[in-house]
């Protein structure tokens, strides 16, 4: 199991890094909404290795059988590789590649709220956003938030993959 988790976890981590960097190069001038879609798509694509890792374990290492619990554990562990890689890459991106990202995104969020909310509600939401601004400018918080996002999506994919791929061992007499 360790070899499968490590192998497919590394595949997922490499894939999420390549897709993130590709999305950044291609999407530099795209809207934040489009960049967000590219980002989530990158997460899901890289987490497809969860399915393939569980399937590999079941078919190649465990004689065609895997319990739901074991499949879920394998999937979450594979997801953890991609989550940590994405969290680290996000810190590098915000700290070194695009240090203005947080301020730009904050400005974008303020304009989105201003154009879509009534004035009274806008002021309340702006105060909430201001209160969160310092928290989200922390590299540790960015790491945790991005890693958690990937891990949650990975957990969902692990659940679905575990349900699809679970198979009881064949009993022979």
Protein backbone atom coordinates (compact mmCIF):
# COMPACT_ATOMS: atom_id res chain seq x y z
CA UNK A 1 0.00 0.00 0.00
CA UNK A 2 2.83 2.41 0.85
CA UNK A 3 4.35 2.11 -2.62
CA UNK A 4 1.00 2.76 -4.29
CA UNK A 5 0.26 5.79 -2.10
CA UNK A 6 3.73 7.22 -2.65
CA UNK A 7 3.76 6.58 -6.41
CA UNK A 8 0.29 7.92 -7.16
CA UNK A 9 0.65 10.69 -4.58
CA UNK A 10 3.77 11.91 -6.37
CA UNK A 11 1.97 11.69 -9.72
CA UNK A 12 -0.86 13.81 -8.31
CA UNK A 13 1.55 16.33 -6.77
CA UNK A 14 3.53 16.71 -9.99
CA UNK A 15 0.34 17.02 -12.03
CA UNK A 16 -1.16 19.71 -9.79
CA UNK A 17 2.10 21.68 -9.94
CA UNK A 18 2.33 21.44 -13.74
CA UNK A 19 -1.33 22.39 -14.19
CA UNK A 20 -1.06 25.26 -11.69
CA UNK A 21 1.99 26.70 -13.44
CA UNK A 22 0.46 26.13 -16.89
CA UNK A 23 -2.73 27.83 -15.77
CA UNK A 24 -0.72 30.73 -14.42
CA UNK A 25 1.23 31.19 -17.66
CA UNK A 26 -1.83 30.78 -19.88
CA UNK A 27 -4.29 32.60 -17.63
CA UNK A 28 -2.26 35.64 -16.58
CA UNK A 29 -4.63 38.03 -18.31
CA UNK A 30 -7.85 36.13 -17.66
CA UNK A 31 -10.48 37.17 -15.13
CA UNK A 32 -10.28 35.88 -11.56
CA UNK A 33 -13.42 33.85 -12.21
CA UNK A 34 -11.84 32.07 -15.16
CA UNK A 35 -8.62 31.54 -13.22
CA UNK A 36 -10.65 30.03 -10.40
CA UNK A 37 -12.30 27.57 -12.80
CA UNK A 38 -8.86 26.63 -14.14
CA UNK A 39 -7.61 26.18 -10.57
CA UNK A 40 -10.43 23.88 -9.50
CA UNK A 41 -10.15 21.94 -12.76
CA UNK A 42 -6.44 21.46 -12.06
CA UNK A 43 -7.26 20.12 -8.62
CA UNK A 44 -9.81 17.63 -9.91
CA UNK A 45 -7.59 16.45 -12.78
CA UNK A 46 -4.60 15.90 -10.49
CA UNK A 47 -6.81 14.06 -8.00
CA UNK A 48 -7.87 11.54 -10.65
CA UNK A 49 -4.73 9.71 -9.52
CA UNK A 50 -6.75 8.80 -6.42
CA UNK A 51 -8.98 6.59 -8.57
CA UNK A 52 -6.06 5.13 -10.50
CA UNK A 53 -4.08 4.53 -7.31
CA UNK A 54 -6.93 2.66 -5.63
CA UNK A 55 -7.53 0.64 -8.78
CA UNK A 56 -3.82 -0.19 -9.06
CA UNK A 57 -3.71 -1.32 -5.43
CA UNK A 58 -6.82 -3.45 -5.84
CA UNK A 59 -5.81 -5.07 -9.12
CA UNK A 60 -2.02 -5.33 -8.90
CA UNK A 61 -1.20 -5.55 -5.20
CA UNK A 62 -4.21 -7.02 -3.44
CA UNK A 63 -5.49 -9.82 -5.71
CA UNK A 64 -8.44 -7.86 -7.08
CA UNK A 65 -9.95 -6.96 -3.72
CA UNK A 66 -10.14 -3.76 -1.67
CA UNK A 67 -12.49 -2.77 1.11
CA UNK A 68 -14.19 0.60 1.08
CA UNK A 69 -12.28 1.60 4.22
CA UNK A 70 -8.89 0.69 2.70
CA UNK A 71 -9.78 2.40 -0.60
CA UNK A 72 -10.79 5.55 1.28
CA UNK A 73 -7.53 5.52 3.27
CA UNK A 74 -5.44 5.09 0.12
CA UNK A 75 -7.35 7.88 -1.62
CA UNK A 76 -7.00 10.34 1.23
CA UNK A 77 -3.27 9.62 1.56
CA UNK A 78 -2.75 10.15 -2.18
CA UNK A 79 -4.76 13.39 -1.91
CA UNK A 80 -2.50 14.53 0.91
CA UNK A 81 0.49 14.61 -1.46
CA UNK A 82 -1.34 16.86 -3.92
CA UNK A 83 -2.69 19.01 -1.07
CA UNK A 84 0.74 19.68 0.43
CA UNK A 85 2.28 20.32 -3.00
CA UNK A 86 -0.48 22.80 -3.86
CA UNK A 87 -0.18 24.55 -0.50
CA UNK A 88 3.57 24.98 -0.93
CA UNK A 89 3.20 26.11 -4.52
CA UNK A 90 0.56 28.64 -3.48
CA UNK A 91 2.92 30.15 -0.90
CA UNK A 92 5.70 30.37 -3.50
CA UNK A 93 3.28 31.97 -5.95
CA UNK A 94 1.97 34.59 -3.52
CA UNK A 95 5.30 35.34 -1.89
CA UNK A 96 7.68 35.32 -4.88
CA UNK A 97 5.96 34.98 -8.26
CA UNK A 98 3.02 37.36 -7.79
CA UNK A 99 3.33 39.24 -4.48
CA UNK A 100 0.53 41.61 -5.54
CA UNK A 101 -1.99 38.78 -5.89
CA UNK A 102 -3.62 39.23 -2.48
CA UNK A 103 -4.14 42.96 -2.96
CA UNK A 104 -5.43 42.45 -6.53
CA UNK A 105 -7.83 39.72 -5.46
CA UNK A 106 -9.02 41.81 -2.51
CA UNK A 107 -9.77 44.70 -4.89
CA UNK A 108 -11.62 42.34 -7.19
CA UNK A 109 -13.73 40.98 -4.33
CA UNK A 110 -14.61 44.51 -3.14
CA UNK A 111 -15.73 45.49 -6.65
CA UNK A 112 -17.77 42.27 -7.01
CA UNK A 113 -19.54 42.97 -3.73
CA UNK A 114 -20.05 46.66 -4.55
CA UNK A 115 -21.70 45.83 -7.88
CA UNK A 116 -23.89 43.02 -6.61
CA UNK A 117 -25.02 44.06 -3.12
CA UNK A 118 -27.21 46.85 -1.80
CA UNK A 119 -25.20 49.60 -0.03
CA UNK A 120 -26.11 48.54 3.54
CA UNK A 121 -25.27 44.90 2.91
CA UNK A 122 -22.09 45.92 1.05
CA UNK A 123 -20.85 47.82 4.11
CA UNK A 124 -21.45 44.81 6.37
CA UNK A 125 -19.70 42.42 3.97
CA UNK A 126 -16.83 44.87 3.50
CA UNK A 127 -16.29 44.99 7.26
CA UNK A 128 -16.23 41.18 7.34
CA UNK A 129 -13.74 41.12 4.47
CA UNK A 130 -11.55 43.71 6.20
CA UNK A 131 -11.54 41.59 9.37
CA UNK A 132 -10.38 38.57 7.37
CA UNK A 133 -7.84 40.48 5.25
CA UNK A 134 -4.91 40.18 7.65
CA UNK A 135 -5.64 36.53 8.36
CA UNK A 136 -5.58 35.64 4.67
CA UNK A 137 -2.38 37.57 4.04
CA UNK A 138 -0.52 35.07 6.22
CA UNK A 139 1.50 32.48 4.24
CA UNK A 140 0.61 29.82 6.80
CA UNK A 141 -3.09 30.56 6.43
CA UNK A 142 -2.82 30.45 2.63
CA UNK A 143 -1.02 27.11 2.87
CA UNK A 144 -3.69 25.68 5.17
CA UNK A 145 -6.58 27.02 3.12
CA UNK A 146 -5.26 25.78 -0.23
CA UNK A 147 -4.17 22.43 1.19
CA UNK A 148 -7.54 21.96 2.88
CA UNK A 149 -9.36 22.78 -0.35
CA UNK A 150 -7.43 20.11 -2.27
CA UNK A 151 -7.80 17.63 0.59
CA UNK A 152 -11.58 18.13 0.77
CA UNK A 153 -11.94 17.60 -2.98
CA UNK A 154 -9.61 14.60 -2.67
CA UNK A 155 -11.75 13.18 0.14
CA UNK A 156 -14.86 13.45 -2.04
CA UNK A 157 -13.07 11.78 -4.96
CA UNK A 158 -11.77 9.11 -2.55
CA UNK A 159 -15.32 8.42 -1.33
CA UNK A 160 -16.64 8.07 -4.86
CA UNK A 161 -13.66 5.99 -5.98
CA UNK A 162 -13.93 3.75 -2.92
CA UNK A 163 -17.60 3.12 -3.62
CA UNK A 164 -16.91 2.32 -7.26
CA UNK A 165 -13.78 0.22 -6.76
CA UNK A 166 -14.51 -1.70 -3.56
CA UNK A 167 -14.53 -5.42 -4.10
CA UNK A 168 -14.55 -8.25 -1.62
CA UNK A 169 -11.98 -11.02 -1.94
CA UNK A 170 -13.06 -14.10 -3.85
CA UNK A 171 -13.23 -17.06 -1.51
CA UNK A 172 -11.92 -20.34 -2.84
CA UNK A 173 -12.49 -23.72 -1.24
